[in-house]
Structures are given as structure tokens and as C-alpha cells.
Amino acid sequence: MKKRVLSAMPSQTFAEGALDAAQQTGKLSYDGYKKVWSDEFNGDSLNRADWNVETHEKGWVNNELQEYVDSAENIQVKDGKLIINPVKKVTDGDTDSTKEAASYTSGRVSTQNKQTFIYGRFECRAKVPKGHGYLPAFTLS
């Protein structure tokens, strides 16, 4: 009988068809796995021992309009959720123009050099809004 290896977990194997069934039902077994790290976002601030807040000027990558900042307005922990909230700020145009100018800020976090894993099962619950362009808050729980 041919066996399949669950991606990123070489010691965990499933009999032929078992992974397909799990993909159809949306339920995989946790048998053979040991939790080594998680963040349930308890408390009222980001755990800086586990997470980096990255700052970058606008246009840093992909010519994005937002600047990544370390701000409580953009990065919040509330009710067991990490909320990354883009913020649009409108200012008056220059003195020669009546146009409004807009700037955008957002948050960016990573676990680089704080939590590193090569193999394993990685899970995330996320609520990502539909649409293109300026988006409302991104929530990770």
C-alpha cells in the first residue's frame, strides 16, 4: 500500500486515501504531533518576546502606498485576536492646491529569529476582508 506524507511533517504518514478524506471533511488528526508553540493573543498587547514589529517606508516592496509603523493604532491585541489595522489619514493639500492628500499606515509582524521551525503542522485562524486596494482591519486569532 502506497503512503502519503503530510507536507512539512515527515514522520506523520497517512494511508492511501486518508489525506484525501481529511481534505474533504476539513479535519486532520493531531495524532503524532506535539504542540511546541502557539500564541492565543491573550492580554492587551503583542508579546514582543515572540513577535517582531517591522517598520518600513512606503513603497518598500511592490510600490505599496502604506508605511509600516509600530503603532497601537495599527497593531492591537484584543479579545484573543491580533488586529492589523490599516489607517488612512487625509490632510489638506499644499497651499497652491485645494486637493486633499492621503497617507496610509499599517502594521507588519513576524516571528523571524524568535520562533523558527523547519518541519511541523502550522495552523492559523484568520479573517481577511474581501476587496482590492485599501482594506479594513486584518484579524488573526
N, C-alpha and C. Protein backbone atom coordinates (compact mmCIF):
# COMPACT_ATOMS: atom_id res chain seq x y z
N MET A 1 0.84 -1.17 0.00
CA MET A 1 0.00 0.00 0.00
C MET A 1 0.89 1.24 0.00
N LYS A 2 0.59 2.17 -0.88
CA LYS A 2 1.33 3.42 -1.01
C LYS A 2 0.95 4.36 0.13
N LYS A 3 1.92 5.06 0.70
CA LYS A 3 1.64 6.01 1.78
C LYS A 3 1.95 7.41 1.31
N ARG A 4 1.23 8.37 1.85
CA ARG A 4 1.47 9.77 1.57
C ARG A 4 2.01 10.44 2.82
N VAL A 5 2.87 11.39 2.62
CA VAL A 5 3.42 12.13 3.74
C VAL A 5 2.71 13.46 3.83
N LEU A 6 2.22 13.80 4.99
CA LEU A 6 1.61 15.10 5.21
C LEU A 6 2.70 16.15 5.06
N SER A 7 2.47 17.13 4.25
CA SER A 7 3.50 18.13 3.98
C SER A 7 4.03 18.73 5.27
N ALA A 8 5.31 18.93 5.32
CA ALA A 8 6.03 19.56 6.41
C ALA A 8 6.11 18.71 7.67
N MET A 9 5.67 17.48 7.61
CA MET A 9 5.77 16.61 8.78
C MET A 9 6.20 15.22 8.32
N PRO A 10 7.50 15.00 8.12
CA PRO A 10 7.94 13.74 7.52
C PRO A 10 7.65 12.51 8.36
N SER A 11 7.47 12.63 9.65
CA SER A 11 7.22 11.44 10.46
C SER A 11 5.74 11.07 10.51
N GLN A 12 4.86 11.93 10.03
CA GLN A 12 3.43 11.67 10.05
C GLN A 12 2.99 11.18 8.67
N THR A 13 2.48 9.96 8.57
CA THR A 13 2.03 9.45 7.29
C THR A 13 0.57 9.05 7.37
N PHE A 14 -0.08 9.03 6.24
CA PHE A 14 -1.48 8.65 6.15
C PHE A 14 -1.61 7.56 5.11
N ALA A 15 -2.46 6.60 5.35
CA ALA A 15 -2.73 5.56 4.37
C ALA A 15 -3.36 6.18 3.14
N GLU A 16 -3.20 5.51 2.00
CA GLU A 16 -3.78 5.99 0.75
C GLU A 16 -5.25 6.37 0.95
N GLY A 17 -5.62 7.56 0.56
CA GLY A 17 -7.00 8.00 0.67
C GLY A 17 -7.32 8.73 1.96
N ALA A 18 -6.54 8.50 3.02
CA ALA A 18 -6.85 9.14 4.30
C ALA A 18 -6.67 10.65 4.23
N LEU A 19 -5.60 11.10 3.57
CA LEU A 19 -5.38 12.53 3.45
C LEU A 19 -6.47 13.16 2.58
N ASP A 20 -6.86 12.46 1.51
CA ASP A 20 -7.93 12.96 0.66
C ASP A 20 -9.23 13.12 1.46
N ALA A 21 -9.55 12.15 2.29
CA ALA A 21 -10.76 12.22 3.11
C ALA A 21 -10.67 13.38 4.08
N ALA A 22 -9.49 13.56 4.67
CA ALA A 22 -9.31 14.66 5.61
C ALA A 22 -9.46 16.00 4.91
N GLN A 23 -8.96 16.10 3.70
CA GLN A 23 -9.09 17.35 2.96
C GLN A 23 -10.56 17.64 2.63
N GLN A 24 -11.33 16.60 2.36
CA GLN A 24 -12.74 16.79 2.03
C GLN A 24 -13.55 17.19 3.26
N THR A 25 -13.24 16.63 4.41
CA THR A 25 -14.01 16.94 5.62
C THR A 25 -13.46 18.16 6.34
N GLY A 26 -12.23 18.53 6.02
CA GLY A 26 -11.60 19.66 6.69
C GLY A 26 -11.04 19.31 8.06
N LYS A 27 -10.97 18.01 8.39
CA LYS A 27 -10.48 17.59 9.69
C LYS A 27 -9.28 16.66 9.54
N LEU A 28 -8.15 17.08 10.05
CA LEU A 28 -6.96 16.24 10.10
C LEU A 28 -6.73 15.82 11.54
N SER A 29 -6.14 14.70 11.71
CA SER A 29 -5.85 14.20 13.05
C SER A 29 -4.62 14.89 13.63
N TYR A 30 -4.63 15.10 14.92
CA TYR A 30 -3.46 15.63 15.61
C TYR A 30 -2.56 14.51 16.14
N ASP A 31 -2.93 13.25 15.89
CA ASP A 31 -2.12 12.12 16.35
C ASP A 31 -0.71 12.25 15.80
N GLY A 32 0.28 12.04 16.67
CA GLY A 32 1.67 12.09 16.25
C GLY A 32 2.28 13.48 16.29
N TYR A 33 1.50 14.47 16.64
CA TYR A 33 2.01 15.83 16.73
C TYR A 33 2.13 16.27 18.18
N LYS A 34 3.09 17.13 18.44
CA LYS A 34 3.26 17.72 19.77
C LYS A 34 3.31 19.24 19.57
N LYS A 35 2.45 19.95 20.28
CA LYS A 35 2.46 21.41 20.16
C LYS A 35 3.75 21.94 20.78
N VAL A 36 4.47 22.76 20.03
CA VAL A 36 5.71 23.33 20.54
C VAL A 36 5.62 24.84 20.72
N TRP A 37 4.64 25.47 20.08
CA TRP A 37 4.48 26.91 20.27
C TRP A 37 3.12 27.33 19.77
N SER A 38 2.53 28.28 20.44
CA SER A 38 1.28 28.89 19.96
C SER A 38 1.16 30.27 20.59
N ASP A 39 0.34 31.07 20.01
CA ASP A 39 0.01 32.36 20.59
C ASP A 39 -1.48 32.54 20.49
N GLU A 40 -2.12 32.63 21.63
CA GLU A 40 -3.58 32.80 21.68
C GLU A 40 -3.96 34.27 21.80
N PHE A 41 -2.97 35.15 21.76
CA PHE A 41 -3.17 36.60 21.83
C PHE A 41 -3.99 37.00 23.06
N ASN A 42 -3.62 36.41 24.19
CA ASN A 42 -4.22 36.80 25.47
C ASN A 42 -3.56 38.09 25.92
N GLY A 43 -4.25 38.88 26.64
CA GLY A 43 -3.70 40.14 27.11
C GLY A 43 -4.13 41.29 26.23
N ASP A 44 -3.43 42.40 26.39
CA ASP A 44 -3.82 43.60 25.64
C ASP A 44 -2.70 44.19 24.80
N SER A 45 -1.62 43.42 24.63
CA SER A 45 -0.53 43.91 23.77
C SER A 45 0.20 42.71 23.15
N LEU A 46 0.90 42.98 22.08
CA LEU A 46 1.64 41.96 21.36
C LEU A 46 2.83 41.50 22.20
N ASN A 47 3.04 40.19 22.29
CA ASN A 47 4.16 39.64 23.03
C ASN A 47 5.44 39.85 22.21
N ARG A 48 6.21 40.85 22.57
CA ARG A 48 7.42 41.21 21.81
C ARG A 48 8.54 40.19 21.98
N ALA A 49 8.41 39.27 22.92
CA ALA A 49 9.40 38.19 23.04
C ALA A 49 9.24 37.19 21.89
N ASP A 50 8.03 37.09 21.33
CA ASP A 50 7.74 36.16 20.24
C ASP A 50 7.56 36.84 18.89
N TRP A 51 7.22 38.12 18.89
CA TRP A 51 6.87 38.80 17.65
C TRP A 51 7.73 40.04 17.43
N ASN A 52 8.14 40.25 16.21
CA ASN A 52 8.79 41.49 15.78
C ASN A 52 7.74 42.39 15.14
N VAL A 53 7.85 43.67 15.36
CA VAL A 53 7.06 44.62 14.59
C VAL A 53 8.03 45.24 13.60
N GLU A 54 7.73 45.03 12.32
CA GLU A 54 8.61 45.53 11.26
C GLU A 54 8.15 46.90 10.82
N THR A 55 9.09 47.80 10.64
CA THR A 55 8.78 49.13 10.13
C THR A 55 9.47 49.32 8.78
N HIS A 56 8.75 49.91 7.85
CA HIS A 56 9.29 50.16 6.51
C HIS A 56 8.60 51.39 5.93
N GLU A 57 9.36 52.14 5.14
CA GLU A 57 8.79 53.30 4.48
C GLU A 57 7.85 52.86 3.35
N LYS A 58 6.98 53.74 2.93
CA LYS A 58 6.05 53.38 1.85
C LYS A 58 6.84 53.08 0.59
N GLY A 59 6.29 52.16 -0.22
CA GLY A 59 6.95 51.76 -1.44
C GLY A 59 8.08 50.76 -1.23
N TRP A 60 8.28 50.32 0.01
CA TRP A 60 9.37 49.41 0.35
C TRP A 60 9.36 48.17 -0.52
N VAL A 61 8.20 47.62 -0.77
CA VAL A 61 8.07 46.47 -1.65
C VAL A 61 6.79 46.64 -2.47
N ASN A 62 6.80 46.25 -3.70
CA ASN A 62 5.63 46.29 -4.58
C ASN A 62 5.03 47.69 -4.73
N ASN A 63 5.80 48.71 -4.48
CA ASN A 63 5.31 50.09 -4.58
C ASN A 63 4.03 50.32 -3.77
N GLU A 64 3.95 49.69 -2.61
CA GLU A 64 2.78 49.85 -1.74
C GLU A 64 2.67 51.28 -1.27
N LEU A 65 1.44 51.73 -1.08
CA LEU A 65 1.20 53.10 -0.63
C LEU A 65 1.36 53.26 0.87
N GLN A 66 1.26 52.15 1.62
CA GLN A 66 1.31 52.29 3.07
C GLN A 66 2.74 52.24 3.60
N GLU A 67 2.89 52.91 4.72
CA GLU A 67 4.12 52.86 5.51
C GLU A 67 3.84 51.89 6.65
N TYR A 68 4.77 50.98 6.93
CA TYR A 68 4.61 50.06 8.05
C TYR A 68 5.19 50.71 9.30
N VAL A 69 4.35 50.86 10.32
CA VAL A 69 4.75 51.58 11.52
C VAL A 69 4.50 50.73 12.77
N ASP A 70 5.15 51.10 13.84
CA ASP A 70 4.95 50.46 15.14
C ASP A 70 4.02 51.37 15.93
N SER A 71 2.73 51.11 15.80
CA SER A 71 1.73 52.00 16.39
C SER A 71 0.57 51.18 16.95
N ALA A 72 0.09 51.59 18.13
CA ALA A 72 -1.07 50.93 18.73
C ALA A 72 -2.32 51.16 17.88
N GLU A 73 -2.31 52.16 17.04
CA GLU A 73 -3.44 52.41 16.14
C GLU A 73 -3.49 51.33 15.04
N ASN A 74 -2.31 50.82 14.66
CA ASN A 74 -2.22 49.84 13.58
C ASN A 74 -2.13 48.40 14.05
N ILE A 75 -1.56 48.17 15.21
CA ILE A 75 -1.37 46.80 15.73
C ILE A 75 -1.99 46.73 17.12
N GLN A 76 -3.02 45.89 17.24
CA GLN A 76 -3.74 45.77 18.50
C GLN A 76 -3.94 44.30 18.85
N VAL A 77 -3.96 44.01 20.14
CA VAL A 77 -4.35 42.70 20.64
C VAL A 77 -5.59 42.92 21.49
N LYS A 78 -6.67 42.25 21.11
CA LYS A 78 -7.94 42.49 21.79
C LYS A 78 -8.82 41.25 21.69
N ASP A 79 -9.39 40.83 22.80
CA ASP A 79 -10.33 39.71 22.83
C ASP A 79 -9.77 38.44 22.18
N GLY A 80 -8.49 38.14 22.44
CA GLY A 80 -7.87 36.93 21.90
C GLY A 80 -7.55 37.01 20.42
N LYS A 81 -7.42 38.22 19.89
CA LYS A 81 -7.15 38.41 18.47
C LYS A 81 -6.04 39.43 18.27
N LEU A 82 -5.23 39.17 17.24
CA LEU A 82 -4.27 40.17 16.77
C LEU A 82 -4.95 40.92 15.64
N ILE A 83 -5.05 42.22 15.75
CA ILE A 83 -5.72 43.03 14.74
C ILE A 83 -4.67 43.92 14.09
N ILE A 84 -4.53 43.76 12.77
CA ILE A 84 -3.64 44.62 12.00
C ILE A 84 -4.56 45.55 11.21
N ASN A 85 -4.53 46.81 11.57
CA ASN A 85 -5.49 47.78 11.09
C ASN A 85 -4.82 48.83 10.21
N PRO A 86 -5.09 48.83 8.90
CA PRO A 86 -4.57 49.92 8.07
C PRO A 86 -5.33 51.21 8.37
N VAL A 87 -4.62 52.30 8.33
CA VAL A 87 -5.24 53.60 8.66
C VAL A 87 -4.97 54.57 7.51
N LYS A 88 -6.04 55.20 7.05
CA LYS A 88 -5.93 56.23 6.02
C LYS A 88 -6.04 57.58 6.70
N LYS A 89 -5.06 58.44 6.45
CA LYS A 89 -5.09 59.79 7.01
C LYS A 89 -5.18 60.78 5.87
N VAL A 90 -6.15 61.65 5.95
CA VAL A 90 -6.35 62.66 4.92
C VAL A 90 -5.92 64.00 5.47
N THR A 91 -5.11 64.71 4.70
CA THR A 91 -4.64 66.03 5.10
C THR A 91 -4.97 67.02 4.00
N ASP A 92 -4.97 68.29 4.35
CA ASP A 92 -5.19 69.33 3.34
C ASP A 92 -4.03 69.30 2.36
N GLY A 93 -4.32 69.67 1.13
CA GLY A 93 -3.27 69.75 0.12
C GLY A 93 -2.32 70.90 0.43
N ASP A 94 -1.35 71.08 -0.43
CA ASP A 94 -0.41 72.18 -0.21
C ASP A 94 -1.12 73.52 -0.42
N THR A 95 -0.44 74.61 -0.16
CA THR A 95 -1.08 75.93 -0.20
C THR A 95 -1.50 76.34 -1.60
N ASP A 96 -0.93 75.74 -2.64
CA ASP A 96 -1.28 76.07 -4.02
C ASP A 96 -2.40 75.20 -4.56
N SER A 97 -2.92 74.30 -3.74
CA SER A 97 -3.92 73.35 -4.23
C SER A 97 -5.01 73.16 -3.19
N THR A 98 -6.19 72.82 -3.66
CA THR A 98 -7.27 72.53 -2.73
C THR A 98 -7.48 71.02 -2.61
N LYS A 99 -6.64 70.26 -3.30
CA LYS A 99 -6.77 68.80 -3.24
C LYS A 99 -6.38 68.29 -1.86
N GLU A 100 -7.04 67.21 -1.46
CA GLU A 100 -6.65 66.53 -0.22
C GLU A 100 -5.56 65.52 -0.54
N ALA A 101 -4.69 65.31 0.40
CA ALA A 101 -3.64 64.30 0.24
C ALA A 101 -3.92 63.20 1.25
N ALA A 102 -3.66 61.97 0.85
CA ALA A 102 -3.89 60.83 1.75
C ALA A 102 -2.58 60.10 1.99
N SER A 103 -2.41 59.62 3.21
CA SER A 103 -1.29 58.74 3.53
C SER A 103 -1.86 57.53 4.25
N TYR A 104 -1.16 56.43 4.15
CA TYR A 104 -1.64 55.17 4.71
C TYR A 104 -0.57 54.58 5.61
N THR A 105 -0.99 54.06 6.75
CA THR A 105 -0.09 53.31 7.62
C THR A 105 -0.71 51.95 7.90
N SER A 106 0.15 51.00 8.21
CA SER A 106 -0.32 49.66 8.55
C SER A 106 0.70 49.01 9.47
N GLY A 107 0.36 47.84 9.97
CA GLY A 107 1.27 47.09 10.82
C GLY A 107 1.80 45.88 10.08
N ARG A 108 2.97 45.42 10.48
CA ARG A 108 3.59 44.24 9.89
C ARG A 108 4.32 43.52 11.01
N VAL A 109 4.01 42.24 11.21
CA VAL A 109 4.66 41.48 12.28
C VAL A 109 5.25 40.19 11.72
N SER A 110 6.26 39.68 12.40
CA SER A 110 6.86 38.41 12.03
C SER A 110 7.46 37.77 13.28
N THR A 111 7.80 36.49 13.17
CA THR A 111 8.48 35.80 14.27
C THR A 111 9.94 35.52 13.91
N GLN A 112 10.45 36.16 12.87
CA GLN A 112 11.80 35.92 12.40
C GLN A 112 12.82 36.06 13.53
N ASN A 113 13.67 35.06 13.67
CA ASN A 113 14.72 34.98 14.70
C ASN A 113 14.18 34.87 16.13
N LYS A 114 12.87 34.69 16.27
CA LYS A 114 12.28 34.49 17.60
C LYS A 114 11.60 33.15 17.71
N GLN A 115 10.89 32.74 16.68
CA GLN A 115 10.26 31.42 16.59
C GLN A 115 10.60 30.88 15.20
N THR A 116 11.34 29.78 15.16
CA THR A 116 11.76 29.23 13.88
C THR A 116 11.49 27.73 13.88
N PHE A 117 10.84 27.26 12.82
CA PHE A 117 10.51 25.85 12.69
C PHE A 117 10.83 25.39 11.28
N ILE A 118 11.34 24.18 11.16
CA ILE A 118 11.64 23.61 9.86
C ILE A 118 10.51 22.69 9.42
N TYR A 119 10.07 21.81 10.31
CA TYR A 119 9.01 20.86 10.00
C TYR A 119 7.88 21.01 10.99
N GLY A 120 6.71 20.61 10.60
CA GLY A 120 5.60 20.59 11.53
C GLY A 120 4.30 20.94 10.86
N ARG A 121 3.31 21.03 11.68
CA ARG A 121 1.97 21.41 11.23
C ARG A 121 1.74 22.83 11.70
N PHE A 122 1.38 23.70 10.79
CA PHE A 122 1.19 25.11 11.10
C PHE A 122 -0.25 25.47 10.83
N GLU A 123 -0.87 26.09 11.82
CA GLU A 123 -2.26 26.47 11.68
C GLU A 123 -2.44 27.94 12.02
N CYS A 124 -3.43 28.53 11.41
CA CYS A 124 -3.75 29.93 11.64
C CYS A 124 -5.23 30.12 11.40
N ARG A 125 -5.89 30.85 12.27
CA ARG A 125 -7.27 31.27 12.03
C ARG A 125 -7.20 32.75 11.67
N ALA A 126 -7.70 33.10 10.51
CA ALA A 126 -7.60 34.49 10.08
C ALA A 126 -8.89 34.93 9.40
N LYS A 127 -9.22 36.17 9.60
CA LYS A 127 -10.35 36.79 8.92
C LYS A 127 -9.76 37.88 8.03
N VAL A 128 -9.88 37.67 6.73
CA VAL A 128 -9.31 38.61 5.77
C VAL A 128 -10.46 39.20 4.96
N PRO A 129 -10.55 40.50 4.89
CA PRO A 129 -11.66 41.12 4.16
C PRO A 129 -11.54 40.93 2.65
N LYS A 130 -12.69 40.94 1.97
CA LYS A 130 -12.72 40.90 0.51
C LYS A 130 -12.33 42.25 -0.04
N GLY A 131 -11.93 42.26 -1.30
CA GLY A 131 -11.72 43.53 -1.97
C GLY A 131 -10.31 43.72 -2.46
N HIS A 132 -10.11 44.85 -3.12
CA HIS A 132 -8.81 45.23 -3.64
C HIS A 132 -8.48 46.62 -3.13
N GLY A 133 -7.21 46.90 -2.97
CA GLY A 133 -6.81 48.24 -2.56
C GLY A 133 -6.91 48.43 -1.06
N TYR A 134 -7.41 49.56 -0.64
CA TYR A 134 -7.48 49.89 0.78
C TYR A 134 -8.45 48.96 1.47
N LEU A 135 -7.96 48.24 2.47
CA LEU A 135 -8.76 47.22 3.15
C LEU A 135 -8.98 47.58 4.60
N PRO A 136 -10.08 47.11 5.17
CA PRO A 136 -10.27 47.25 6.62
C PRO A 136 -9.34 46.31 7.37
N ALA A 137 -9.46 46.26 8.66
CA ALA A 137 -8.54 45.51 9.52
C ALA A 137 -8.43 44.04 9.14
N PHE A 138 -7.23 43.49 9.33
CA PHE A 138 -6.93 42.08 9.17
C PHE A 138 -6.86 41.52 10.59
N THR A 139 -7.57 40.42 10.84
CA THR A 139 -7.62 39.88 12.19
C THR A 139 -7.08 38.46 12.20
N LEU A 140 -6.17 38.19 13.12
CA LEU A 140 -5.59 36.86 13.31
C LEU A 140 -5.94 36.39 14.70
N SER A 141 -6.50 35.20 14.81
CA SER A 141 -6.86 34.70 16.15
C SER A 141 -6.42 33.27 16.28
